[in-house]
Amino acid sequence: MTEGEDAILIKEMALPFQKSATLKDVTLFGGMKVLRMTFRERKRFTMIDLDPNTATEFAESLLAWAEENK
């Protein structure tokens, strides 16, 4: 998190193969809201910020895949 950001933890998840993920509701400086997804694999971190429209599209794709592969 950088100066001027406000973050609220939504979810922490353990993933297969010793990986983890977190989802945070982040308000950026200026008031823009994003969903911050952080993936961790040992010492490597990947952070992705999604606006509400992109987060919706991403969620729909994840859900469709999960339903097809249960």
PDB file of N, CA and C in Angstrom:
ATOM      1  N   MET A   1       0.859  -1.178   0.000  1.00  0.00           N
ATOM      2  CA  MET A   1       0.000   0.000   0.000  1.00  0.00           C
ATOM      3  C   MET A   1       0.901   1.237   0.000  1.00  0.00           C
ATOM      4  N   THR A   2       0.506   2.216  -0.769  1.00  0.00           N
ATOM      5  CA  THR A   2       1.296   3.439  -0.826  1.00  0.00           C
ATOM      6  C   THR A   2       0.603   4.555  -0.062  1.00  0.00           C
ATOM      7  N   GLU A   3       1.322   5.636   0.152  1.00  0.00           N
ATOM      8  CA  GLU A   3       0.776   6.772   0.885  1.00  0.00           C
ATOM      9  C   GLU A   3      -0.451   7.298   0.160  1.00  0.00           C
ATOM     10  N   GLY A   4      -1.500   7.597   0.907  1.00  0.00           N
ATOM     11  CA  GLY A   4      -2.724   8.126   0.339  1.00  0.00           C
ATOM     12  C   GLY A   4      -3.740   7.061  -0.025  1.00  0.00           C
ATOM     13  N   GLU A   5      -3.406   5.781   0.183  1.00  0.00           N
ATOM     14  CA  GLU A   5      -4.343   4.695  -0.091  1.00  0.00           C
ATOM     15  C   GLU A   5      -4.973   4.209   1.207  1.00  0.00           C
ATOM     16  N   ASP A   6      -6.213   3.765   1.097  1.00  0.00           N
ATOM     17  CA  ASP A   6      -6.916   3.155   2.216  1.00  0.00           C
ATOM     18  C   ASP A   6      -7.349   1.776   1.751  1.00  0.00           C
ATOM     19  N   ALA A   7      -6.973   0.721   2.488  1.00  0.00           N
ATOM     20  CA  ALA A   7      -7.269  -0.641   2.059  1.00  0.00           C
ATOM     21  C   ALA A   7      -8.011  -1.404   3.146  1.00  0.00           C
ATOM     22  N   ILE A   8      -9.007  -2.180   2.715  1.00  0.00           N
ATOM     23  CA  ILE A   8      -9.769  -3.052   3.611  1.00  0.00           C
ATOM     24  C   ILE A   8      -9.631  -4.480   3.092  1.00  0.00           C
ATOM     25  N   LEU A   9      -9.140  -5.377   3.921  1.00  0.00           N
ATOM     26  CA  LEU A   9      -8.972  -6.777   3.539  1.00  0.00           C
ATOM     27  C   LEU A   9     -10.340  -7.420   3.327  1.00  0.00           C
ATOM     28  N   ILE A  10     -10.514  -8.052   2.182  1.00  0.00           N
ATOM     29  CA  ILE A  10     -11.749  -8.771   1.877  1.00  0.00           C
ATOM     30  C   ILE A  10     -11.568 -10.259   2.136  1.00  0.00           C
ATOM     31  N   LYS A  11     -10.450 -10.813   1.637  1.00  0.00           N
ATOM     32  CA  LYS A  11     -10.262 -12.269   1.729  1.00  0.00           C
ATOM     33  C   LYS A  11      -8.788 -12.619   1.599  1.00  0.00           C
ATOM     34  N   GLU A  12      -8.361 -13.602   2.396  1.00  0.00           N
ATOM     35  CA  GLU A  12      -7.042 -14.211   2.250  1.00  0.00           C
ATOM     36  C   GLU A  12      -7.270 -15.680   1.929  1.00  0.00           C
ATOM     37  N   MET A  13      -6.534 -16.204   0.953  1.00  0.00           N
ATOM     38  CA  MET A  13      -6.734 -17.590   0.542  1.00  0.00           C
ATOM     39  C   MET A  13      -5.403 -18.299   0.382  1.00  0.00           C
ATOM     40  N   ALA A  14      -5.354 -19.544   0.850  1.00  0.00           N
ATOM     41  CA  ALA A  14      -4.224 -20.410   0.551  1.00  0.00           C
ATOM     42  C   ALA A  14      -4.541 -21.085  -0.776  1.00  0.00           C
ATOM     43  N   LEU A  15      -3.572 -21.101  -1.676  1.00  0.00           N
ATOM     44  CA  LEU A  15      -3.746 -21.696  -2.997  1.00  0.00           C
ATOM     45  C   LEU A  15      -2.875 -22.942  -3.112  1.00  0.00           C
ATOM     46  N   PRO A  16      -3.163 -23.775  -4.110  1.00  0.00           N
ATOM     47  CA  PRO A  16      -2.320 -24.964  -4.298  1.00  0.00           C
ATOM     48  C   PRO A  16      -0.858 -24.585  -4.554  1.00  0.00           C
ATOM     49  N   PHE A  17       0.038 -25.533  -4.277  1.00  0.00           N
ATOM     50  CA  PHE A  17       1.464 -25.404  -4.554  1.00  0.00           C
ATOM     51  C   PHE A  17       2.125 -24.281  -3.745  1.00  0.00           C
ATOM     52  N   GLN A  18       1.733 -24.147  -2.489  1.00  0.00           N
ATOM     53  CA  GLN A  18       2.330 -23.192  -1.548  1.00  0.00           C
ATOM     54  C   GLN A  18       2.235 -21.751  -2.034  1.00  0.00           C
ATOM     55  N   LYS A  19       1.125 -21.399  -2.620  1.00  0.00           N
ATOM     56  CA  LYS A  19       0.865 -20.030  -3.066  1.00  0.00           C
ATOM     57  C   LYS A  19      -0.264 -19.456  -2.235  1.00  0.00           C
ATOM     58  N   SER A  20      -0.404 -18.126  -2.255  1.00  0.00           N
ATOM     59  CA  SER A  20      -1.496 -17.489  -1.528  1.00  0.00           C
ATOM     60  C   SER A  20      -2.002 -16.287  -2.317  1.00  0.00           C
ATOM     61  N   ALA A  21      -3.205 -15.860  -1.973  1.00  0.00           N
ATOM     62  CA  ALA A  21      -3.799 -14.701  -2.635  1.00  0.00           C
ATOM     63  C   ALA A  21      -4.556 -13.879  -1.605  1.00  0.00           C
ATOM     64  N   THR A  22      -4.591 -12.571  -1.823  1.00  0.00           N
ATOM     65  CA  THR A  22      -5.423 -11.691  -1.008  1.00  0.00           C
ATOM     66  C   THR A  22      -6.235 -10.794  -1.936  1.00  0.00           C
ATOM     67  N   LEU A  23      -7.409 -10.449  -1.463  1.00  0.00           N
ATOM     68  CA  LEU A  23      -8.262  -9.474  -2.140  1.00  0.00           C
ATOM     69  C   LEU A  23      -8.479  -8.321  -1.181  1.00  0.00           C
ATOM     70  N   LYS A  24      -8.291  -7.098  -1.677  1.00  0.00           N
ATOM     71  CA  LYS A  24      -8.494  -5.908  -0.850  1.00  0.00           C
ATOM     72  C   LYS A  24      -9.339  -4.890  -1.596  1.00  0.00           C
ATOM     73  N   ASP A  25     -10.180  -4.209  -0.853  1.00  0.00           N
ATOM     74  CA  ASP A  25     -10.943  -3.060  -1.357  1.00  0.00           C
ATOM     75  C   ASP A  25     -10.074  -1.838  -1.085  1.00  0.00           C
ATOM     76  N   VAL A  26      -9.565  -1.229  -2.159  1.00  0.00           N
ATOM     77  CA  VAL A  26      -8.610  -0.124  -2.011  1.00  0.00           C
ATOM     78  C   VAL A  26      -9.215   1.156  -2.558  1.00  0.00           C
ATOM     79  N   THR A  27      -9.118   2.216  -1.777  1.00  0.00           N
ATOM     80  CA  THR A  27      -9.462   3.556  -2.234  1.00  0.00           C
ATOM     81  C   THR A  27      -8.159   4.292  -2.478  1.00  0.00           C
ATOM     82  N   LEU A  28      -7.931   4.633  -3.740  1.00  0.00           N
ATOM     83  CA  LEU A  28      -6.700   5.316  -4.120  1.00  0.00           C
ATOM     84  C   LEU A  28      -6.808   6.802  -3.805  1.00  0.00           C
ATOM     85  N   PHE A  29      -5.667   7.465  -3.789  1.00  0.00           N
ATOM     86  CA  PHE A  29      -5.639   8.909  -3.614  1.00  0.00           C
ATOM     87  C   PHE A  29      -6.530   9.536  -4.682  1.00  0.00           C
ATOM     88  N   GLY A  30      -7.451  10.372  -4.300  1.00  0.00           N
ATOM     89  CA  GLY A  30      -8.396  10.976  -5.237  1.00  0.00           C
ATOM     90  C   GLY A  30      -9.753  10.299  -5.213  1.00  0.00           C
ATOM     91  N   GLY A  31      -9.868   9.166  -4.505  1.00  0.00           N
ATOM     92  CA  GLY A  31     -11.160   8.534  -4.316  1.00  0.00           C
ATOM     93  C   GLY A  31     -11.499   7.372  -5.236  1.00  0.00           C
ATOM     94  N   MET A  32     -10.643   7.054  -6.204  1.00  0.00           N
ATOM     95  CA  MET A  32     -10.928   5.928  -7.093  1.00  0.00           C
ATOM     96  C   MET A  32     -10.863   4.617  -6.322  1.00  0.00           C
ATOM     97  N   LYS A  33     -11.880   3.757  -6.528  1.00  0.00           N
ATOM     98  CA  LYS A  33     -11.940   2.459  -5.850  1.00  0.00           C
ATOM     99  C   LYS A  33     -11.487   1.367  -6.804  1.00  0.00           C
ATOM    100  N   VAL A  34     -10.650   0.458  -6.290  1.00  0.00           N
ATOM    101  CA  VAL A  34     -10.189  -0.687  -7.061  1.00  0.00           C
ATOM    102  C   VAL A  34     -10.211  -1.930  -6.181  1.00  0.00           C
ATOM    103  N   LEU A  35     -10.289  -3.075  -6.837  1.00  0.00           N
ATOM    104  CA  LEU A  35     -10.100  -4.359  -6.167  1.00  0.00           C
ATOM    105  C   LEU A  35      -8.652  -4.745  -6.401  1.00  0.00           C
ATOM    106  N   ARG A  36      -7.868  -4.865  -5.333  1.00  0.00           N
ATOM    107  CA  ARG A  36      -6.461  -5.227  -5.463  1.00  0.00           C
ATOM    108  C   ARG A  36      -6.310  -6.717  -5.182  1.00  0.00           C
ATOM    109  N   MET A  37      -5.844  -7.425  -6.181  1.00  0.00           N
ATOM    110  CA  MET A  37      -5.548  -8.848  -6.035  1.00  0.00           C
ATOM    111  C   MET A  37      -4.036  -8.979  -5.916  1.00  0.00           C
ATOM    112  N   THR A  38      -3.580  -9.655  -4.859  1.00  0.00           N
ATOM    113  CA  THR A  38      -2.154  -9.886  -4.663  1.00  0.00           C
ATOM    114  C   THR A  38      -1.928 -11.388  -4.593  1.00  0.00           C
ATOM    115  N   PHE A  39      -1.040 -11.866  -5.463  1.00  0.00           N
ATOM    116  CA  PHE A  39      -0.690 -13.277  -5.498  1.00  0.00           C
ATOM    117  C   PHE A  39       0.753 -13.411  -5.024  1.00  0.00           C
ATOM    118  N   ARG A  40       0.971 -14.393  -4.149  1.00  0.00           N
ATOM    119  CA  ARG A  40       2.310 -14.598  -3.607  1.00  0.00           C
ATOM    120  C   ARG A  40       2.758 -16.019  -3.889  1.00  0.00           C
ATOM    121  N   GLU A  41       3.975 -16.128  -4.389  1.00  0.00           N
ATOM    122  CA  GLU A  41       4.617 -17.420  -4.600  1.00  0.00           C
ATOM    123  C   GLU A  41       6.030 -17.307  -4.046  1.00  0.00           C
ATOM    124  N   ARG A  42       6.218 -17.842  -2.860  1.00  0.00           N
ATOM    125  CA  ARG A  42       7.464 -17.697  -2.113  1.00  0.00           C
ATOM    126  C   ARG A  42       7.798 -16.212  -1.947  1.00  0.00           C
ATOM    127  N   LYS A  43       8.855 -15.713  -2.553  1.00  0.00           N
ATOM    128  CA  LYS A  43       9.235 -14.305  -2.390  1.00  0.00           C
ATOM    129  C   LYS A  43       8.677 -13.410  -3.491  1.00  0.00           C
ATOM    130  N   ARG A  44       8.014 -13.997  -4.449  1.00  0.00           N
ATOM    131  CA  ARG A  44       7.510 -13.237  -5.599  1.00  0.00           C
ATOM    132  C   ARG A  44       6.073 -12.774  -5.345  1.00  0.00           C
ATOM    133  N   PHE A  45       5.824 -11.503  -5.589  1.00  0.00           N
ATOM    134  CA  PHE A  45       4.494 -10.923  -5.433  1.00  0.00           C
ATOM    135  C   PHE A  45       4.022 -10.360  -6.768  1.00  0.00           C
ATOM    136  N   THR A  46       2.749 -10.566  -7.083  1.00  0.00           N
ATOM    137  CA  THR A  46       2.123  -9.945  -8.247  1.00  0.00           C
ATOM    138  C   THR A  46       0.874  -9.238  -7.760  1.00  0.00           C
ATOM    139  N   MET A  47       0.787  -7.931  -8.012  1.00  0.00           N
ATOM    140  CA  MET A  47      -0.379  -7.133  -7.607  1.00  0.00           C
ATOM    141  C   MET A  47      -1.097  -6.639  -8.854  1.00  0.00           C
ATOM    142  N   ILE A  48      -2.429  -6.808  -8.851  1.00  0.00           N
ATOM    143  CA  ILE A  48      -3.254  -6.367  -9.970  1.00  0.00           C
ATOM    144  C   ILE A  48      -4.414  -5.558  -9.398  1.00  0.00           C
ATOM    145  N   ASP A  49      -4.612  -4.346  -9.893  1.00  0.00           N
ATOM    146  CA  ASP A  49      -5.738  -3.500  -9.487  1.00  0.00           C
ATOM    147  C   ASP A  49      -6.802  -3.542 -10.579  1.00  0.00           C
ATOM    148  N   LEU A  50      -8.046  -3.831 -10.186  1.00  0.00           N
ATOM    149  CA  LEU A  50      -9.158  -3.895 -11.130  1.00  0.00           C
ATOM    150  C   LEU A  50     -10.209  -2.855 -10.787  1.00  0.00           C
ATOM    151  N   ASP A  51     -10.690  -2.145 -11.811  1.00  0.00           N
ATOM    152  CA  ASP A  51     -11.823  -1.243 -11.610  1.00  0.00           C
ATOM    153  C   ASP A  51     -13.085  -2.110 -11.498  1.00  0.00           C
ATOM    154  N   PRO A  52     -14.211  -1.550 -11.026  1.00  0.00           N
ATOM    155  CA  PRO A  52     -15.421  -2.353 -10.821  1.00  0.00           C
ATOM    156  C   PRO A  52     -15.903  -3.093 -12.074  1.00  0.00           C
ATOM    157  N   ASN A  53     -15.855  -2.473 -13.246  1.00  0.00           N
ATOM    158  CA  ASN A  53     -16.322  -3.147 -14.461  1.00  0.00           C
ATOM    159  C   ASN A  53     -15.430  -4.327 -14.829  1.00  0.00           C
ATOM    160  N   THR A  54     -14.128  -4.137 -14.742  1.00  0.00           N
ATOM    161  CA  THR A  54     -13.201  -5.220 -15.057  1.00  0.00           C
ATOM    162  C   THR A  54     -13.307  -6.333 -14.025  1.00  0.00           C
ATOM    163  N   ALA A  55     -13.475  -5.986 -12.757  1.00  0.00           N
ATOM    164  CA  ALA A  55     -13.633  -6.997 -11.703  1.00  0.00           C
ATOM    165  C   ALA A  55     -14.887  -7.843 -11.957  1.00  0.00           C
ATOM    166  N   THR A  56     -15.953  -7.213 -12.412  1.00  0.00           N
ATOM    167  CA  THR A  56     -17.186  -7.945 -12.719  1.00  0.00           C
ATOM    168  C   THR A  56     -16.948  -8.927 -13.861  1.00  0.00           C
ATOM    169  N   GLU A  57     -16.306  -8.467 -14.923  1.00  0.00           N
ATOM    170  CA  GLU A  57     -16.021  -9.331 -16.071  1.00  0.00           C
ATOM    171  C   GLU A  57     -15.121 -10.499 -15.657  1.00  0.00           C
ATOM    172  N   PHE A  58     -14.109 -10.211 -14.857  1.00  0.00           N
ATOM    173  CA  PHE A  58     -13.184 -11.230 -14.365  1.00  0.00           C
ATOM    174  C   PHE A  58     -13.929 -12.262 -13.517  1.00  0.00           C
ATOM    175  N   ALA A  59     -14.782 -11.782 -12.606  1.00  0.00           N
ATOM    176  CA  ALA A  59     -15.544 -12.666 -11.724  1.00  0.00           C
ATOM    177  C   ALA A  59     -16.485 -13.570 -12.518  1.00  0.00           C
ATOM    178  N   GLU A  60     -17.132 -13.029 -13.524  1.00  0.00           N
ATOM    179  CA  GLU A  60     -18.044 -13.819 -14.350  1.00  0.00           C
ATOM    180  C   GLU A  60     -17.290 -14.925 -15.082  1.00  0.00           C
ATOM    181  N   SER A  61     -16.107 -14.618 -15.582  1.00  0.00           N
ATOM    182  CA  SER A  61     -15.296 -15.622 -16.276  1.00  0.00           C
ATOM    183  C   SER A  61     -14.825 -16.708 -15.319  1.00  0.00           C
ATOM    184  N   LEU A  62     -14.388 -16.320 -14.116  1.00  0.00           N
ATOM    185  CA  LEU A  62     -13.980 -17.306 -13.109  1.00  0.00           C
ATOM    186  C   LEU A  62     -15.136 -18.217 -12.724  1.00  0.00           C
ATOM    187  N   LEU A  63     -16.299 -17.637 -12.498  1.00  0.00           N
ATOM    188  CA  LEU A  63     -17.471 -18.422 -12.103  1.00  0.00           C
ATOM    189  C   LEU A  63     -17.887 -19.379 -13.211  1.00  0.00           C
ATOM    190  N   ALA A  64     -17.898 -18.918 -14.450  1.00  0.00           N
ATOM    191  CA  ALA A  64     -18.268 -19.785 -15.573  1.00  0.00           C
ATOM    192  C   ALA A  64     -17.305 -20.969 -15.667  1.00  0.00           C
ATOM    193  N   TRP A  65     -16.000 -20.700 -15.536  1.00  0.00           N
ATOM    194  CA  TRP A  65     -15.020 -21.781 -15.587  1.00  0.00           C
ATOM    195  C   TRP A  65     -15.234 -22.763 -14.435  1.00  0.00           C
ATOM    196  N   ALA A  66     -15.447 -22.249 -13.232  1.00  0.00           N
ATOM    197  CA  ALA A  66     -15.626 -23.112 -12.055  1.00  0.00           C
ATOM    198  C   ALA A  66     -16.863 -23.994 -12.204  1.00  0.00           C
ATOM    199  N   GLU A  67     -17.950 -23.425 -12.701  1.00  0.00           N
ATOM    200  CA  GLU A  67     -19.188 -24.195 -12.898  1.00  0.00           C
ATOM    201  C   GLU A  67     -18.981 -25.318 -13.917  1.00  0.00           C
ATOM    202  N   GLU A  68     -18.236 -25.050 -14.969  1.00  0.00           N
ATOM    203  CA  GLU A  68     -17.993 -26.043 -16.010  1.00  0.00           C
ATOM    204  C   GLU A  68     -17.045 -27.148 -15.559  1.00  0.00           C
ATOM    205  N   ASN A  69     -16.240 -26.876 -14.554  1.00  0.00           N
ATOM    206  CA  ASN A  69     -15.185 -27.822 -14.165  1.00  0.00           C
ATOM    207  C   ASN A  69     -15.342 -28.403 -12.760  1.00  0.00           C
ATOM    208  N   LYS A  70     -16.529 -28.364 -12.222  1.00  0.00           N
ATOM    209  CA  LYS A  70     -16.756 -28.939 -10.886  1.00  0.00           C
ATOM    210  C   LYS A  70     -16.614 -30.451 -10.941  1.00  0.00           C
TER     211      LYS A  70
END
